[in-house]
Amino acid sequence: MLESLINLDKKVFIFLNGLGSETFDPLWEILTVQFYWAPFFAVILFLVYKKLGLKNFGIAILFIAVLILICDQSANFFKDNVQRLRPCNDPEINSFIRIGEKKSGTYSFFSGHAANSMATTTFVFLLLRRFYKHTYLLFLFPVIFAYSRIYLGLHFPLDILAGYVYGGTFGYLFYRIFKKFILKA
């Protein structure tokens, strides 16, 4: 069962990774780096500040920082213990897949990028959804960000999905805590 799931995961990865072309490689190399998303983050944080006020905004930033820390360190823990090779390091497929300039010697399961992006997006979405009609569009960020990891040969789809579930769960839990203890006060 597990072996057939892993084989399916590799097939889906090969398909998704194969959708790329050299023309778009530089774009995906940029999209996979958090720094380049800074203007987007700044706008979102401004909207959070505008709706929550300075005190609650500061607490929300603290929640986001702890959320990222937990998701990131958990992903590292799982990577070190599961030890699934990244696609770019998998000798079964790495000779014929698209691999970006940035390679990694670490393991693949689960994606810290996917977990962090989904956790923070879920938390911020839940904070802002009652104020803005199209807040659901925030979820384009983790989709684009995580696909860049597949495009560049750094993660399998199951790494991404597991990161989404993990991060989304923690983002939701942190929102519930924030709502109960901070927004209620």
N, C-alpha and C. Protein backbone atom coordinates (compact mmCIF):
# COMPACT_ATOMS: atom_id res chain seq x y z
N MET A 1 0.82 -1.20 0.00
CA MET A 1 0.00 0.00 0.00
C MET A 1 0.87 1.26 0.00
N LEU A 2 1.82 1.36 0.95
CA LEU A 2 2.68 2.53 1.03
C LEU A 2 3.53 2.66 -0.23
N GLU A 3 4.03 1.55 -0.72
CA GLU A 3 4.86 1.58 -1.93
C GLU A 3 4.07 2.06 -3.15
N SER A 4 2.82 1.62 -3.27
CA SER A 4 2.01 2.07 -4.40
C SER A 4 1.67 3.56 -4.28
N LEU A 5 1.49 4.04 -3.06
CA LEU A 5 1.24 5.47 -2.84
C LEU A 5 2.47 6.29 -3.22
N ILE A 6 3.64 5.81 -2.85
CA ILE A 6 4.88 6.50 -3.18
C ILE A 6 5.10 6.50 -4.70
N ASN A 7 4.81 5.38 -5.35
CA ASN A 7 4.94 5.32 -6.81
C ASN A 7 3.98 6.29 -7.50
N LEU A 8 2.75 6.37 -7.01
CA LEU A 8 1.78 7.32 -7.56
C LEU A 8 2.26 8.75 -7.33
N ASP A 9 2.79 9.01 -6.16
CA ASP A 9 3.32 10.33 -5.83
C ASP A 9 4.43 10.71 -6.81
N LYS A 10 5.31 9.77 -7.11
CA LYS A 10 6.39 10.05 -8.06
C LYS A 10 5.85 10.32 -9.46
N LYS A 11 4.83 9.57 -9.87
CA LYS A 11 4.24 9.78 -11.20
C LYS A 11 3.59 11.15 -11.30
N VAL A 12 2.85 11.53 -10.26
CA VAL A 12 2.22 12.85 -10.25
C VAL A 12 3.30 13.94 -10.24
N PHE A 13 4.35 13.72 -9.46
CA PHE A 13 5.45 14.68 -9.43
C PHE A 13 6.06 14.84 -10.83
N ILE A 14 6.35 13.73 -11.48
CA ILE A 14 6.98 13.78 -12.81
C ILE A 14 6.09 14.56 -13.78
N PHE A 15 4.78 14.33 -13.71
CA PHE A 15 3.86 15.07 -14.57
C PHE A 15 3.90 16.57 -14.27
N LEU A 16 3.75 16.93 -12.99
CA LEU A 16 3.72 18.35 -12.62
C LEU A 16 5.05 19.04 -12.88
N ASN A 17 6.13 18.36 -12.57
CA ASN A 17 7.46 18.91 -12.78
C ASN A 17 7.73 19.07 -14.28
N GLY A 18 7.19 18.15 -15.06
CA GLY A 18 7.39 18.19 -16.51
C GLY A 18 6.62 19.28 -17.23
N LEU A 19 5.72 19.96 -16.54
CA LEU A 19 4.96 21.05 -17.16
C LEU A 19 5.82 22.29 -17.40
N GLY A 20 6.99 22.32 -16.79
CA GLY A 20 7.83 23.51 -16.88
C GLY A 20 8.57 23.63 -18.18
N SER A 21 9.17 24.80 -18.37
CA SER A 21 10.03 25.05 -19.53
C SER A 21 11.13 26.01 -19.11
N GLU A 22 12.22 26.00 -19.84
CA GLU A 22 13.37 26.84 -19.51
C GLU A 22 12.99 28.32 -19.47
N THR A 23 12.03 28.71 -20.27
CA THR A 23 11.60 30.10 -20.32
C THR A 23 11.12 30.58 -18.95
N PHE A 24 10.43 29.69 -18.21
CA PHE A 24 9.84 30.08 -16.94
C PHE A 24 10.69 29.73 -15.72
N ASP A 25 11.82 29.07 -15.94
CA ASP A 25 12.68 28.69 -14.81
C ASP A 25 13.05 29.88 -13.91
N PRO A 26 13.48 31.02 -14.49
CA PRO A 26 13.84 32.15 -13.61
C PRO A 26 12.67 32.64 -12.75
N LEU A 27 11.47 32.63 -13.30
CA LEU A 27 10.29 33.06 -12.54
C LEU A 27 10.09 32.15 -11.33
N TRP A 28 10.16 30.85 -11.53
CA TRP A 28 9.93 29.90 -10.43
C TRP A 28 11.06 29.93 -9.42
N GLU A 29 12.28 30.26 -9.87
CA GLU A 29 13.40 30.42 -8.94
C GLU A 29 13.14 31.60 -8.00
N ILE A 30 12.50 32.65 -8.52
CA ILE A 30 12.16 33.82 -7.71
C ILE A 30 11.00 33.49 -6.78
N LEU A 31 9.96 32.84 -7.31
CA LEU A 31 8.76 32.56 -6.52
C LEU A 31 9.00 31.63 -5.33
N THR A 32 10.08 30.86 -5.37
CA THR A 32 10.34 29.92 -4.27
C THR A 32 11.09 30.56 -3.10
N VAL A 33 11.51 31.81 -3.27
CA VAL A 33 12.27 32.50 -2.22
C VAL A 33 11.33 33.45 -1.45
N GLN A 34 11.25 33.25 -0.14
CA GLN A 34 10.34 34.04 0.69
C GLN A 34 10.61 35.54 0.59
N PHE A 35 11.85 35.94 0.47
CA PHE A 35 12.22 37.36 0.44
C PHE A 35 11.46 38.12 -0.64
N TYR A 36 11.29 37.50 -1.80
CA TYR A 36 10.63 38.18 -2.91
C TYR A 36 9.13 38.37 -2.70
N TRP A 37 8.60 37.68 -1.72
CA TRP A 37 7.18 37.84 -1.38
C TRP A 37 6.97 38.97 -0.37
N ALA A 38 8.03 39.63 0.05
CA ALA A 38 7.95 40.65 1.10
C ALA A 38 6.92 41.76 0.82
N PRO A 39 6.82 42.29 -0.40
CA PRO A 39 5.79 43.32 -0.62
C PRO A 39 4.37 42.77 -0.38
N PHE A 40 4.12 41.55 -0.81
CA PHE A 40 2.82 40.91 -0.57
C PHE A 40 2.57 40.78 0.93
N PHE A 41 3.57 40.30 1.67
CA PHE A 41 3.44 40.16 3.12
C PHE A 41 3.17 41.51 3.78
N ALA A 42 3.87 42.54 3.32
CA ALA A 42 3.72 43.88 3.91
C ALA A 42 2.28 44.38 3.74
N VAL A 43 1.71 44.18 2.57
CA VAL A 43 0.33 44.62 2.33
C VAL A 43 -0.63 43.85 3.24
N ILE A 44 -0.43 42.55 3.34
CA ILE A 44 -1.31 41.73 4.17
C ILE A 44 -1.18 42.13 5.64
N LEU A 45 0.03 42.34 6.09
CA LEU A 45 0.24 42.75 7.48
C LEU A 45 -0.37 44.12 7.76
N PHE A 46 -0.30 45.01 6.77
CA PHE A 46 -0.94 46.32 6.92
C PHE A 46 -2.45 46.15 7.10
N LEU A 47 -3.06 45.26 6.32
CA LEU A 47 -4.50 45.01 6.45
C LEU A 47 -4.85 44.43 7.81
N VAL A 48 -3.99 43.56 8.32
CA VAL A 48 -4.21 43.00 9.66
C VAL A 48 -4.11 44.12 10.69
N TYR A 49 -3.08 44.95 10.58
CA TYR A 49 -2.91 46.08 11.49
C TYR A 49 -4.13 47.00 11.46
N LYS A 50 -4.57 47.31 10.24
CA LYS A 50 -5.70 48.22 10.06
C LYS A 50 -6.97 47.71 10.75
N LYS A 51 -7.19 46.41 10.72
CA LYS A 51 -8.42 45.84 11.27
C LYS A 51 -8.31 45.46 12.75
N LEU A 52 -7.10 45.16 13.23
CA LEU A 52 -6.96 44.70 14.62
C LEU A 52 -6.47 45.78 15.58
N GLY A 53 -5.85 46.83 15.07
CA GLY A 53 -5.27 47.83 15.94
C GLY A 53 -3.86 47.43 16.36
N LEU A 54 -3.13 48.36 16.91
CA LEU A 54 -1.71 48.14 17.21
C LEU A 54 -1.45 47.01 18.20
N LYS A 55 -2.17 47.01 19.32
CA LYS A 55 -1.93 45.99 20.35
C LYS A 55 -2.20 44.58 19.82
N ASN A 56 -3.38 44.37 19.25
CA ASN A 56 -3.71 43.04 18.73
C ASN A 56 -2.86 42.66 17.54
N PHE A 57 -2.44 43.67 16.75
CA PHE A 57 -1.53 43.41 15.64
C PHE A 57 -0.21 42.85 16.15
N GLY A 58 0.33 43.48 17.19
CA GLY A 58 1.58 43.00 17.79
C GLY A 58 1.45 41.58 18.30
N ILE A 59 0.35 41.29 18.92
CA ILE A 59 0.11 39.92 19.42
C ILE A 59 -0.04 38.95 18.23
N ALA A 60 -0.72 39.39 17.18
CA ALA A 60 -0.87 38.54 15.98
C ALA A 60 0.49 38.24 15.36
N ILE A 61 1.38 39.22 15.32
CA ILE A 61 2.73 39.00 14.79
C ILE A 61 3.46 37.97 15.64
N LEU A 62 3.31 38.06 16.95
CA LEU A 62 3.92 37.08 17.85
C LEU A 62 3.35 35.69 17.57
N PHE A 63 2.04 35.58 17.40
CA PHE A 63 1.41 34.31 17.07
C PHE A 63 1.96 33.75 15.76
N ILE A 64 2.09 34.60 14.75
CA ILE A 64 2.61 34.16 13.46
C ILE A 64 4.05 33.68 13.59
N ALA A 65 4.86 34.40 14.36
CA ALA A 65 6.26 33.99 14.55
C ALA A 65 6.35 32.62 15.23
N VAL A 66 5.55 32.42 16.26
CA VAL A 66 5.55 31.12 16.96
C VAL A 66 5.00 30.03 16.04
N LEU A 67 4.00 30.36 15.28
CA LEU A 67 3.41 29.42 14.32
C LEU A 67 4.45 28.96 13.30
N ILE A 68 5.20 29.90 12.75
CA ILE A 68 6.25 29.56 11.79
C ILE A 68 7.34 28.72 12.46
N LEU A 69 7.73 29.11 13.67
CA LEU A 69 8.75 28.36 14.40
C LEU A 69 8.32 26.92 14.62
N ILE A 70 7.10 26.72 15.08
CA ILE A 70 6.60 25.36 15.34
C ILE A 70 6.53 24.55 14.05
N CYS A 71 5.95 25.12 13.01
CA CYS A 71 5.82 24.39 11.75
C CYS A 71 7.18 24.07 11.14
N ASP A 72 8.08 25.04 11.18
CA ASP A 72 9.40 24.85 10.59
C ASP A 72 10.19 23.78 11.33
N GLN A 73 10.21 23.86 12.65
CA GLN A 73 10.97 22.87 13.43
C GLN A 73 10.32 21.48 13.36
N SER A 74 9.00 21.44 13.31
CA SER A 74 8.31 20.15 13.15
C SER A 74 8.66 19.52 11.81
N ALA A 75 8.67 20.33 10.76
CA ALA A 75 9.03 19.82 9.43
C ALA A 75 10.44 19.25 9.46
N ASN A 76 11.37 19.95 10.10
CA ASN A 76 12.74 19.44 10.21
C ASN A 76 12.78 18.12 10.99
N PHE A 77 12.01 18.04 12.06
CA PHE A 77 11.95 16.81 12.85
C PHE A 77 11.46 15.64 11.97
N PHE A 78 10.38 15.87 11.25
CA PHE A 78 9.84 14.81 10.39
C PHE A 78 10.82 14.45 9.28
N LYS A 79 11.43 15.45 8.66
CA LYS A 79 12.40 15.19 7.59
C LYS A 79 13.54 14.30 8.10
N ASP A 80 14.06 14.65 9.27
CA ASP A 80 15.18 13.89 9.83
C ASP A 80 14.79 12.47 10.21
N ASN A 81 13.53 12.24 10.56
CA ASN A 81 13.10 10.91 10.99
C ASN A 81 12.50 10.07 9.87
N VAL A 82 11.82 10.69 8.92
CA VAL A 82 11.26 9.94 7.79
C VAL A 82 12.35 9.67 6.75
N GLN A 83 13.20 10.64 6.51
CA GLN A 83 14.34 10.55 5.60
C GLN A 83 13.96 10.17 4.17
N ARG A 84 12.93 10.78 3.66
CA ARG A 84 12.57 10.59 2.26
C ARG A 84 13.44 11.51 1.41
N LEU A 85 14.05 10.93 0.39
CA LEU A 85 14.90 11.74 -0.49
C LEU A 85 14.07 12.76 -1.25
N ARG A 86 14.67 13.91 -1.47
CA ARG A 86 14.03 14.90 -2.33
C ARG A 86 14.08 14.38 -3.78
N PRO A 87 13.15 14.85 -4.61
CA PRO A 87 13.19 14.41 -6.01
C PRO A 87 14.53 14.67 -6.69
N CYS A 88 15.14 15.82 -6.41
CA CYS A 88 16.42 16.15 -7.03
C CYS A 88 17.55 15.23 -6.56
N ASN A 89 17.34 14.52 -5.46
CA ASN A 89 18.35 13.58 -4.94
C ASN A 89 17.96 12.12 -5.14
N ASP A 90 16.80 11.87 -5.70
CA ASP A 90 16.29 10.51 -5.88
C ASP A 90 16.89 9.93 -7.17
N PRO A 91 17.79 8.93 -7.05
CA PRO A 91 18.46 8.40 -8.24
C PRO A 91 17.51 7.74 -9.24
N GLU A 92 16.32 7.38 -8.79
CA GLU A 92 15.35 6.75 -9.68
C GLU A 92 14.78 7.74 -10.71
N ILE A 93 14.73 9.03 -10.34
CA ILE A 93 14.10 10.00 -11.24
C ILE A 93 14.93 11.26 -11.53
N ASN A 94 15.98 11.50 -10.78
CA ASN A 94 16.66 12.80 -10.89
C ASN A 94 17.41 13.02 -12.21
N SER A 95 17.55 11.99 -13.01
CA SER A 95 18.26 12.17 -14.28
C SER A 95 17.36 12.74 -15.37
N PHE A 96 16.05 12.72 -15.18
CA PHE A 96 15.17 13.20 -16.25
C PHE A 96 14.11 14.20 -15.78
N ILE A 97 14.25 14.73 -14.59
CA ILE A 97 13.29 15.74 -14.11
C ILE A 97 13.92 17.13 -14.18
N ARG A 98 13.06 18.14 -14.08
CA ARG A 98 13.51 19.52 -14.04
C ARG A 98 14.01 19.82 -12.63
N ILE A 99 15.25 20.28 -12.53
CA ILE A 99 15.83 20.62 -11.23
C ILE A 99 16.32 22.06 -11.31
N GLY A 100 15.91 22.86 -10.33
CA GLY A 100 16.32 24.26 -10.31
C GLY A 100 17.76 24.42 -9.88
N GLU A 101 18.19 25.66 -9.82
CA GLU A 101 19.56 25.97 -9.42
C GLU A 101 19.82 25.61 -7.97
N LYS A 102 18.80 25.77 -7.13
CA LYS A 102 18.95 25.52 -5.70
C LYS A 102 18.65 24.06 -5.41
N LYS A 103 19.69 23.33 -5.03
CA LYS A 103 19.49 21.95 -4.64
C LYS A 103 19.62 21.88 -3.12
N SER A 104 19.15 20.80 -2.56
CA SER A 104 19.20 20.68 -1.11
C SER A 104 19.67 19.29 -0.71
N GLY A 105 20.48 19.25 0.33
CA GLY A 105 20.96 17.98 0.84
C GLY A 105 20.06 17.43 1.94
N THR A 106 19.04 18.19 2.32
CA THR A 106 18.14 17.73 3.37
C THR A 106 17.08 16.82 2.78
N TYR A 107 16.24 16.30 3.63
CA TYR A 107 15.20 15.38 3.19
C TYR A 107 13.93 16.14 2.81
N SER A 108 12.95 15.37 2.32
CA SER A 108 11.80 15.96 1.64
C SER A 108 10.50 16.00 2.44
N PHE A 109 10.23 15.00 3.27
CA PHE A 109 8.89 14.87 3.86
C PHE A 109 8.85 15.42 5.28
N PHE A 110 8.04 16.37 5.58
CA PHE A 110 7.10 17.08 4.73
C PHE A 110 7.65 18.47 4.46
N SER A 111 7.03 19.18 3.54
CA SER A 111 7.54 20.49 3.13
C SER A 111 7.31 21.55 4.19
N GLY A 112 8.39 22.11 4.68
CA GLY A 112 8.30 23.22 5.62
C GLY A 112 7.75 24.47 4.94
N HIS A 113 8.09 24.66 3.66
CA HIS A 113 7.54 25.81 2.92
C HIS A 113 6.02 25.70 2.85
N ALA A 114 5.52 24.51 2.54
CA ALA A 114 4.06 24.32 2.44
C ALA A 114 3.41 24.49 3.81
N ALA A 115 4.02 23.93 4.84
CA ALA A 115 3.45 24.04 6.19
C ALA A 115 3.41 25.48 6.67
N ASN A 116 4.52 26.18 6.52
CA ASN A 116 4.59 27.58 6.96
C ASN A 116 3.63 28.48 6.19
N SER A 117 3.61 28.31 4.87
CA SER A 117 2.76 29.18 4.06
C SER A 117 1.28 28.91 4.33
N MET A 118 0.92 27.64 4.49
CA MET A 118 -0.49 27.32 4.76
C MET A 118 -0.88 27.73 6.19
N ALA A 119 0.01 27.54 7.14
CA ALA A 119 -0.29 27.93 8.53
C ALA A 119 -0.54 29.42 8.64
N THR A 120 0.36 30.22 8.09
CA THR A 120 0.21 31.66 8.19
C THR A 120 -0.98 32.16 7.37
N THR A 121 -1.18 31.57 6.20
CA THR A 121 -2.32 31.98 5.37
C THR A 121 -3.64 31.64 6.04
N THR A 122 -3.72 30.46 6.63
CA THR A 122 -4.95 30.06 7.33
C THR A 122 -5.22 31.00 8.49
N PHE A 123 -4.20 31.28 9.28
CA PHE A 123 -4.34 32.18 10.43
C PHE A 123 -4.81 33.57 9.98
N VAL A 124 -4.14 34.13 8.98
CA VAL A 124 -4.48 35.48 8.51
C VAL A 124 -5.84 35.48 7.82
N PHE A 125 -6.12 34.45 7.05
CA PHE A 125 -7.44 34.35 6.40
C PHE A 125 -8.55 34.39 7.44
N LEU A 126 -8.39 33.60 8.49
CA LEU A 126 -9.43 33.55 9.53
C LEU A 126 -9.56 34.89 10.27
N LEU A 127 -8.44 35.60 10.41
CA LEU A 127 -8.50 36.92 11.04
C LEU A 127 -9.22 37.94 10.17
N LEU A 128 -9.02 37.87 8.85
CA LEU A 128 -9.50 38.92 7.95
C LEU A 128 -10.78 38.59 7.19
N ARG A 129 -11.22 37.36 7.21
CA ARG A 129 -12.34 36.96 6.34
C ARG A 129 -13.62 37.75 6.57
N ARG A 130 -13.86 38.20 7.77
CA ARG A 130 -15.11 38.95 8.02
C ARG A 130 -15.01 40.40 7.56
N PHE A 131 -13.81 40.86 7.26
CA PHE A 131 -13.61 42.25 6.85
C PHE A 131 -13.53 42.43 5.33
N TYR A 132 -13.05 41.41 4.63
CA TYR A 132 -12.81 41.53 3.18
C TYR A 132 -13.48 40.38 2.44
N LYS A 133 -14.19 40.73 1.38
CA LYS A 133 -14.99 39.76 0.63
C LYS A 133 -14.14 38.67 -0.04
N HIS A 134 -13.01 39.03 -0.58
CA HIS A 134 -12.21 38.09 -1.36
C HIS A 134 -10.96 37.60 -0.62
N THR A 135 -11.06 37.48 0.66
CA THR A 135 -9.92 37.05 1.48
C THR A 135 -9.44 35.65 1.08
N TYR A 136 -10.33 34.82 0.57
CA TYR A 136 -9.97 33.47 0.15
C TYR A 136 -8.84 33.48 -0.90
N LEU A 137 -8.67 34.60 -1.61
CA LEU A 137 -7.61 34.69 -2.60
C LEU A 137 -6.21 34.62 -1.97
N LEU A 138 -6.14 34.82 -0.66
CA LEU A 138 -4.85 34.67 0.03
C LEU A 138 -4.28 33.26 -0.18
N PHE A 139 -5.15 32.28 -0.39
CA PHE A 139 -4.68 30.90 -0.55
C PHE A 139 -3.95 30.66 -1.86
N LEU A 140 -3.96 31.66 -2.76
CA LEU A 140 -3.12 31.54 -3.95
C LEU A 140 -1.64 31.53 -3.58
N PHE A 141 -1.30 32.24 -2.50
CA PHE A 141 0.10 32.28 -2.07
C PHE A 141 0.65 30.88 -1.76
N PRO A 142 0.04 30.10 -0.86
CA PRO A 142 0.64 28.79 -0.61
C PRO A 142 0.60 27.86 -1.82
N VAL A 143 -0.39 28.01 -2.69
CA VAL A 143 -0.47 27.16 -3.88
C VAL A 143 0.71 27.47 -4.82
N ILE A 144 0.91 28.75 -5.12
CA ILE A 144 2.01 29.14 -6.00
C ILE A 144 3.36 28.83 -5.37
N PHE A 145 3.49 29.17 -4.11
CA PHE A 145 4.74 28.96 -3.38
C PHE A 145 5.10 27.47 -3.34
N ALA A 146 4.14 26.63 -3.03
CA ALA A 146 4.41 25.19 -2.94
C ALA A 146 4.64 24.57 -4.32
N TYR A 147 3.90 25.03 -5.34
CA TYR A 147 4.15 24.49 -6.67
C TYR A 147 5.57 24.78 -7.12
N SER A 148 6.11 25.92 -6.71
CA SER A 148 7.50 26.23 -7.07
C SER A 148 8.45 25.15 -6.57
N ARG A 149 8.12 24.55 -5.44
CA ARG A 149 8.96 23.49 -4.87
C ARG A 149 8.91 22.22 -5.72
N ILE A 150 7.75 21.94 -6.30
CA ILE A 150 7.61 20.80 -7.21
C ILE A 150 8.31 21.12 -8.52
N TYR A 151 8.07 22.29 -9.05
CA TYR A 151 8.65 22.72 -10.32
C TYR A 151 10.17 22.61 -10.30
N LEU A 152 10.77 22.98 -9.17
CA LEU A 152 12.23 23.00 -9.06
C LEU A 152 12.83 21.68 -8.58
N GLY A 153 11.99 20.66 -8.41
CA GLY A 153 12.49 19.34 -8.05
C GLY A 153 12.86 19.17 -6.60
N LEU A 154 12.26 19.98 -5.73
CA LEU A 154 12.62 19.94 -4.31
C LEU A 154 11.63 19.17 -3.44
N HIS A 155 10.39 19.00 -3.91
CA HIS A 155 9.39 18.28 -3.12
C HIS A 155 8.44 17.49 -4.01
N PHE A 156 7.99 16.37 -3.47
CA PHE A 156 6.94 15.57 -4.09
C PHE A 156 5.58 16.15 -3.69
N PRO A 157 4.53 15.87 -4.47
CA PRO A 157 3.20 16.36 -4.12
C PRO A 157 2.73 15.95 -2.71
N LEU A 158 3.03 14.73 -2.28
CA LEU A 158 2.61 14.32 -0.93
C LEU A 158 3.34 15.11 0.16
N ASP A 159 4.55 15.54 -0.11
CA ASP A 159 5.28 16.40 0.83
C ASP A 159 4.51 17.71 1.01
N ILE A 160 4.03 18.22 -0.12
CA ILE A 160 3.27 19.48 -0.12
C ILE A 160 1.94 19.29 0.59
N LEU A 161 1.20 18.24 0.21
CA LEU A 161 -0.11 18.00 0.83
C LEU A 161 -0.01 17.79 2.33
N ALA A 162 0.98 17.02 2.76
CA ALA A 162 1.18 16.80 4.19
C ALA A 162 1.52 18.12 4.89
N GLY A 163 2.35 18.94 4.25
CA GLY A 163 2.68 20.26 4.80
C GLY A 163 1.45 21.15 4.90
N TYR A 164 0.59 21.08 3.87
CA TYR A 164 -0.66 21.86 3.90
C TYR A 164 -1.55 21.44 5.07
N VAL A 165 -1.73 20.14 5.21
CA VAL A 165 -2.61 19.65 6.29
C VAL A 165 -2.03 20.04 7.65
N TYR A 166 -0.75 19.82 7.83
CA TYR A 166 -0.09 20.15 9.09
C TYR A 166 -0.19 21.64 9.38
N GLY A 167 0.21 22.46 8.40
CA GLY A 167 0.20 23.90 8.58
C GLY A 167 -1.21 24.45 8.74
N GLY A 168 -2.15 23.96 7.94
CA GLY A 168 -3.53 24.42 8.05
C GLY A 168 -4.13 24.11 9.41
N THR A 169 -3.80 22.93 9.93
CA THR A 169 -4.29 22.55 11.26
C THR A 169 -3.75 23.48 12.33
N PHE A 170 -2.46 23.75 12.29
CA PHE A 170 -1.87 24.64 13.28
C PHE A 170 -2.34 26.07 13.11
N GLY A 171 -2.50 26.53 11.86
CA GLY A 171 -3.03 27.87 11.62
C GLY A 171 -4.42 28.02 12.21
N TYR A 172 -5.26 27.00 12.05
CA TYR A 172 -6.61 27.02 12.60
C TYR A 172 -6.58 27.02 14.13
N LEU A 173 -5.75 26.15 14.71
CA LEU A 173 -5.65 26.09 16.18
C LEU A 173 -5.15 27.41 16.77
N PHE A 174 -4.17 28.02 16.13
CA PHE A 174 -3.65 29.29 16.63
C PHE A 174 -4.72 30.38 16.52
N TYR A 175 -5.49 30.35 15.44
CA TYR A 175 -6.57 31.32 15.31
C TYR A 175 -7.59 31.14 16.43
N ARG A 176 -7.96 29.89 16.72
CA ARG A 176 -8.94 29.63 17.79
C ARG A 176 -8.42 30.16 19.13
N ILE A 177 -7.14 29.95 19.41
CA ILE A 177 -6.55 30.45 20.66
C ILE A 177 -6.56 31.99 20.64
N PHE A 178 -6.16 32.57 19.51
CA PHE A 178 -6.14 34.03 19.38
C PHE A 178 -7.54 34.60 19.58
N LYS A 179 -8.50 33.98 18.96
CA LYS A 179 -9.88 34.47 19.05
C LYS A 179 -10.40 34.37 20.49
N LYS A 180 -10.12 33.24 21.14
CA LYS A 180 -10.64 33.01 22.49
C LYS A 180 -10.00 33.92 23.53
N PHE A 181 -8.68 34.08 23.46
CA PHE A 181 -7.99 34.81 24.52
C PHE A 181 -7.64 36.25 24.18
N ILE A 182 -7.50 36.57 22.92
CA ILE A 182 -7.07 37.93 22.54
C ILE A 182 -8.25 38.76 22.04
N LEU A 183 -8.96 38.26 21.05
CA LEU A 183 -10.07 39.04 20.49
C LEU A 183 -11.22 39.19 21.47
N LYS A 184 -11.41 38.20 22.32
CA LYS A 184 -12.49 38.26 23.31
C LYS A 184 -12.20 39.30 24.38
N ALA A 185 -10.92 39.44 24.70
CA ALA A 185 -10.52 40.38 25.77
C ALA A 185 -10.69 41.75 25.31
